[in-house]
PDB file of N, CA and C in Angstrom:
ATOM      1  N   UNK A   1     -21.255-138.053  62.368  1.00  0.00           N
ATOM      2  CA  UNK A   1     -21.099-139.228  63.021  1.00  0.00           C
ATOM      3  C   UNK A   1     -19.572-139.149  63.695  1.00  0.00           C
ATOM      4  N   UNK A   2     -19.467-139.893  64.599  1.00  0.00           N
ATOM      5  CA  UNK A   2     -18.168-139.980  65.494  1.00  0.00           C
ATOM      6  C   UNK A   2     -17.743-141.376  65.951  1.00  0.00           C
ATOM      7  N   UNK A   3     -16.690-141.554  66.072  1.00  0.00           N
ATOM      8  CA  UNK A   3     -16.126-142.980  66.507  1.00  0.00           C
ATOM      9  C   UNK A   3     -16.314-143.189  68.046  1.00  0.00           C
ATOM     10  N   UNK A   4     -16.550-144.363  68.381  1.00  0.00           N
ATOM     11  CA  UNK A   4     -16.505-144.878  69.868  1.00  0.00           C
ATOM     12  C   UNK A   4     -15.153-144.628  70.289  1.00  0.00           C
ATOM     13  N   UNK A   5     -14.113-144.506  69.565  1.00  0.00           N
ATOM     14  CA  UNK A   5     -12.928-144.508  70.068  1.00  0.00           C
ATOM     15  C   UNK A   5     -12.361-142.883  69.901  1.00  0.00           C
ATOM     16  N   UNK A   6     -11.429-142.620  70.869  1.00  0.00           N
ATOM     17  CA  UNK A   6     -10.989-141.130  70.953  1.00  0.00           C
ATOM     18  C   UNK A   6      -9.704-140.926  69.756  1.00  0.00           C
ATOM     19  N   UNK A   7     -10.411-140.561  68.470  1.00  0.00           N
ATOM     20  CA  UNK A   7      -9.424-140.512  67.525  1.00  0.00           C
ATOM     21  C   UNK A   7      -9.779-139.021  66.871  1.00  0.00           C
ATOM     22  N   UNK A   8      -8.829-138.246  66.577  1.00  0.00           N
ATOM     23  CA  UNK A   8      -9.054-136.905  65.718  1.00  0.00           C
ATOM     24  C   UNK A   8     -10.074-136.958  64.557  1.00  0.00           C
ATOM     25  N   UNK A   9     -10.751-135.985  64.413  1.00  0.00           N
ATOM     26  CA  UNK A   9     -11.974-135.994  63.331  1.00  0.00           C
ATOM     27  C   UNK A   9     -11.229-136.392  61.881  1.00  0.00           C
ATOM     28  N   UNK A  10      -9.837-135.862  61.837  1.00  0.00           N
ATOM     29  CA  UNK A  10      -9.237-135.867  60.448  1.00  0.00           C
ATOM     30  C   UNK A  10      -8.651-137.167  60.395  1.00  0.00           C
ATOM     31  N   UNK A  11      -8.831-138.116  61.096  1.00  0.00           N
ATOM     32  CA  UNK A  11      -8.201-139.506  60.823  1.00  0.00           C
ATOM     33  C   UNK A  11      -9.423-140.421  60.829  1.00  0.00           C
ATOM     34  N   UNK A  12     -10.613-139.943  61.428  1.00  0.00           N
ATOM     35  CA  UNK A  12     -11.722-140.962  61.457  1.00  0.00           C
ATOM     36  C   UNK A  12     -12.423-140.915  60.123  1.00  0.00           C
ATOM     37  N   UNK A  13     -12.680-142.126  59.484  1.00  0.00           N
ATOM     38  CA  UNK A  13     -13.307-142.202  58.242  1.00  0.00           C
ATOM     39  C   UNK A  13     -14.303-143.290  58.341  1.00  0.00           C
ATOM     40  N   UNK A  14     -15.459-142.960  57.449  1.00  0.00           N
ATOM     41  CA  UNK A  14     -16.550-144.061  57.482  1.00  0.00           C
ATOM     42  C   UNK A  14     -16.901-144.025  56.029  1.00  0.00           C
ATOM     43  N   UNK A  15     -17.566-145.086  55.541  1.00  0.00           N
ATOM     44  CA  UNK A  15     -18.083-145.099  53.978  1.00  0.00           C
ATOM     45  C   UNK A  15     -19.438-145.430  54.066  1.00  0.00           C
ATOM     46  N   UNK A  16     -20.212-144.457  53.440  1.00  0.00           N
ATOM     47  CA  UNK A  16     -21.491-144.705  53.224  1.00  0.00           C
ATOM     48  C   UNK A  16     -21.751-145.671  52.056  1.00  0.00           C
ATOM     49  N   UNK A  17     -22.313-146.944  52.294  1.00  0.00           N
ATOM     50  CA  UNK A  17     -22.565-147.922  51.265  1.00  0.00           C
ATOM     51  C   UNK A  17     -23.660-147.427  50.321  1.00  0.00           C
ATOM     52  N   UNK A  18     -24.851-146.887  50.751  1.00  0.00           N
ATOM     53  CA  UNK A  18     -25.807-146.488  49.968  1.00  0.00           C
ATOM     54  C   UNK A  18     -25.970-144.866  50.006  1.00  0.00           C
ATOM     55  N   UNK A  19     -26.133-144.381  48.889  1.00  0.00           N
ATOM     56  CA  UNK A  19     -26.025-142.806  48.809  1.00  0.00           C
ATOM     57  C   UNK A  19     -27.344-142.473  49.628  1.00  0.00           C
ATOM     58  N   UNK A  20     -27.076-141.460  50.378  1.00  0.00           N
ATOM     59  CA  UNK A  20     -28.106-140.815  51.248  1.00  0.00           C
ATOM     60  C   UNK A  20     -28.428-141.541  52.540  1.00  0.00           C
ATOM     61  N   UNK A  21     -27.736-142.830  52.884  1.00  0.00           N
ATOM     62  CA  UNK A  21     -28.090-143.585  53.916  1.00  0.00           C
ATOM     63  C   UNK A  21     -27.945-142.742  55.261  1.00  0.00           C
ATOM     64  N   UNK A  22     -26.830-141.877  55.434  1.00  0.00           N
ATOM     65  CA  UNK A  22     -26.733-141.213  56.575  1.00  0.00           C
ATOM     66  C   UNK A  22     -27.322-139.705  56.587  1.00  0.00           C
ATOM     67  N   UNK A  23     -28.174-139.374  55.573  1.00  0.00           N
ATOM     68  CA  UNK A  23     -28.831-138.222  55.663  1.00  0.00           C
ATOM     69  C   UNK A  23     -29.734-138.036  56.703  1.00  0.00           C
ATOM     70  N   UNK A  24     -29.755-137.081  57.404  1.00  0.00           N
ATOM     71  CA  UNK A  24     -30.347-136.899  58.714  1.00  0.00           C
ATOM     72  C   UNK A  24     -30.201-137.703  59.768  1.00  0.00           C
ATOM     73  N   UNK A  25     -29.022-138.203  59.845  1.00  0.00           N
ATOM     74  CA  UNK A  25     -28.544-139.274  60.938  1.00  0.00           C
ATOM     75  C   UNK A  25     -27.375-138.645  61.433  1.00  0.00           C
ATOM     76  N   UNK A  26     -27.203-138.665  62.966  1.00  0.00           N
ATOM     77  CA  UNK A  26     -25.874-138.373  63.425  1.00  0.00           C
ATOM     78  C   UNK A  26     -25.753-139.300  64.563  1.00  0.00           C
ATOM     79  N   UNK A  27     -24.322-139.338  65.160  1.00  0.00           N
ATOM     80  CA  UNK A  27     -24.503-140.097  66.409  1.00  0.00           C
ATOM     81  C   UNK A  27     -23.169-140.907  66.429  1.00  0.00           C
ATOM     82  N   UNK A  28     -23.032-141.792  67.221  1.00  0.00           N
ATOM     83  CA  UNK A  28     -21.708-142.475  67.481  1.00  0.00           C
ATOM     84  C   UNK A  28     -21.900-143.887  66.724  1.00  0.00           C
ATOM     85  N   UNK A  29     -20.567-144.190  66.040  1.00  0.00           N
ATOM     86  CA  UNK A  29     -20.443-145.456  65.329  1.00  0.00           C
ATOM     87  C   UNK A  29     -19.666-146.278  66.286  1.00  0.00           C
ATOM     88  N   UNK A  30     -20.457-147.383  66.525  1.00  0.00           N
ATOM     89  CA  UNK A  30     -19.950-148.553  67.385  1.00  0.00           C
ATOM     90  C   UNK A  30     -19.562-149.727  66.525  1.00  0.00           C
ATOM     91  N   UNK A  31     -18.498-150.259  66.860  1.00  0.00           N
ATOM     92  CA  UNK A  31     -17.896-151.473  66.169  1.00  0.00           C
ATOM     93  C   UNK A  31     -18.272-152.817  66.811  1.00  0.00           C
ATOM     94  N   UNK A  32     -18.131-153.843  66.144  1.00  0.00           N
ATOM     95  CA  UNK A  32     -18.491-155.165  66.685  1.00  0.00           C
ATOM     96  C   UNK A  32     -17.365-155.442  67.627  1.00  0.00           C
ATOM     97  N   UNK A  33     -17.804-156.304  68.787  1.00  0.00           N
ATOM     98  CA  UNK A  33     -16.654-156.672  69.707  1.00  0.00           C
ATOM     99  C   UNK A  33     -15.411-157.295  68.961  1.00  0.00           C
ATOM    100  N   UNK A  34     -15.661-158.118  68.052  1.00  0.00           N
ATOM    101  CA  UNK A  34     -14.407-158.685  67.376  1.00  0.00           C
ATOM    102  C   UNK A  34     -13.422-157.459  66.938  1.00  0.00           C
ATOM    103  N   UNK A  35     -13.841-156.329  66.683  1.00  0.00           N
ATOM    104  CA  UNK A  35     -12.791-155.496  66.287  1.00  0.00           C
ATOM    105  C   UNK A  35     -12.309-154.579  67.506  1.00  0.00           C
ATOM    106  N   UNK A  36     -13.150-154.418  68.682  1.00  0.00           N
ATOM    107  CA  UNK A  36     -12.805-153.731  69.830  1.00  0.00           C
ATOM    108  C   UNK A  36     -11.968-154.349  70.505  1.00  0.00           C
ATOM    109  N   UNK A  37     -11.934-155.793  70.511  1.00  0.00           N
ATOM    110  CA  UNK A  37     -11.187-156.580  71.241  1.00  0.00           C
ATOM    111  C   UNK A  37      -9.479-156.610  70.788  1.00  0.00           C
ATOM    112  N   UNK A  38      -9.429-156.318  69.633  1.00  0.00           N
ATOM    113  CA  UNK A  38      -8.115-156.223  68.987  1.00  0.00           C
ATOM    114  C   UNK A  38      -6.797-155.761  69.843  1.00  0.00           C
ATOM    115  N   UNK A  39      -7.271-154.356  70.308  1.00  0.00           N
ATOM    116  CA  UNK A  39      -6.166-153.784  71.114  1.00  0.00           C
ATOM    117  C   UNK A  39      -4.938-153.245  70.315  1.00  0.00           C
ATOM    118  N   UNK A  40      -4.273-152.789  70.977  1.00  0.00           N
ATOM    119  CA  UNK A  40      -2.821-152.247  70.182  1.00  0.00           C
ATOM    120  C   UNK A  40      -1.824-153.119  70.207  1.00  0.00           C
TER     121      UNK A  40
END
């Protein structure tokens, strides 16, 4: 998994809420607009 934001892999974290939910999955994690509009 990777973030839609340009962040180093060692600081990007995601939590799997159900064991095995990400098994055989890969791709880009996108956030809801409410989070992306916060800005710095």
